[in-house]
Amino acid sequence: MTTLEQFKQVRTSVSPEVQSELFQLMSKDPDAAISRMVEIAGEKGLKMSSEEVRGFLRQMDDEEELMTSN
């Protein structure tokens, strides 16, 4: 099971271009953005579900980390 910390590490390890792509995709098609996040995590050796990603994003939003993190 992937942890929030592992998810954060993957998030910070992707290029600014990919982060921008995900942000734009999230505003247009959240399901596609989450699927892309699952795919990226898989490329980094982490297995996670769409529901886990949604939960991690909710946690980060609750902790106000989404707007302050790179």
Protein backbone atom coordinates (compact mmCIF):
# COMPACT_ATOMS: atom_id res chain seq x y z
CA MET A 1 0.00 0.00 0.00
CA THR A 2 1.36 3.39 -0.99
CA THR A 3 1.63 6.07 1.68
CA LEU A 4 0.95 9.78 1.45
CA GLU A 5 4.68 10.44 1.85
CA GLN A 6 5.48 8.18 -1.12
CA PHE A 7 2.84 9.98 -3.17
CA LYS A 8 4.38 13.34 -2.24
CA GLN A 9 7.83 12.07 -3.25
CA VAL A 10 6.53 11.03 -6.67
CA ARG A 11 4.79 14.37 -7.03
CA THR A 12 7.96 16.34 -6.34
CA SER A 13 10.08 14.08 -8.55
CA VAL A 14 8.28 14.90 -11.79
CA SER A 15 9.37 17.80 -13.96
CA PRO A 16 7.65 21.19 -13.75
CA GLU A 17 6.29 20.54 -17.24
CA VAL A 18 4.56 17.35 -16.09
CA GLN A 19 3.24 19.12 -12.99
CA SER A 20 1.82 21.84 -15.25
CA GLU A 21 0.29 19.22 -17.55
CA LEU A 22 -1.37 17.53 -14.56
CA PHE A 23 -2.68 20.83 -13.20
CA GLN A 24 -4.23 21.73 -16.56
CA LEU A 25 -5.65 18.26 -16.97
CA MET A 26 -7.10 18.35 -13.45
CA SER A 27 -9.04 21.51 -14.27
CA LYS A 28 -10.40 20.04 -17.53
CA ASP A 29 -10.76 16.32 -16.81
CA PRO A 30 -10.04 15.30 -13.20
CA ASP A 31 -10.51 11.59 -13.91
CA ALA A 32 -7.92 11.71 -16.70
CA ALA A 33 -5.52 13.61 -14.42
CA ILE A 34 -5.90 11.02 -11.69
CA SER A 35 -5.36 8.20 -14.19
CA ARG A 36 -2.18 9.95 -15.35
CA MET A 37 -1.00 10.23 -11.72
CA VAL A 38 -1.56 6.49 -11.25
CA GLU A 39 0.44 5.89 -14.43
CA ILE A 40 3.30 8.14 -13.29
CA ALA A 41 3.41 6.42 -9.90
CA GLY A 42 3.60 3.06 -11.68
CA GLU A 43 6.55 4.32 -13.72
CA LYS A 44 8.24 5.16 -10.39
CA GLY A 45 7.56 1.66 -9.06
CA LEU A 46 4.55 2.46 -6.90
CA LYS A 47 1.22 0.74 -7.28
CA MET A 48 -1.77 2.84 -6.33
CA SER A 49 -5.41 3.07 -7.28
CA SER A 50 -7.38 6.06 -8.46
CA GLU A 51 -9.17 6.08 -5.12
CA GLU A 52 -5.87 6.25 -3.26
CA VAL A 53 -4.78 9.21 -5.40
CA ARG A 54 -8.09 10.96 -4.71
CA GLY A 55 -7.61 10.36 -0.98
CA PHE A 56 -4.04 11.69 -1.06
CA LEU A 57 -5.15 14.79 -2.96
CA ARG A 58 -7.96 15.37 -0.44
CA GLN A 59 -5.51 15.02 2.45
CA MET A 60 -3.08 17.44 0.84
CA ASP A 61 -5.90 19.88 0.12
CA ASP A 62 -7.10 19.64 3.74
CA GLU A 63 -3.55 20.38 4.88
CA GLU A 64 -3.30 23.21 2.32
CA GLU A 65 -0.28 21.58 0.69
CA LEU A 66 -1.56 21.56 -2.87
CA MET A 67 -1.14 25.27 -3.40
CA THR A 68 2.15 25.61 -1.52
CA SER A 69 4.07 22.60 -2.84
CA ASN A 70 6.06 22.57 -6.07
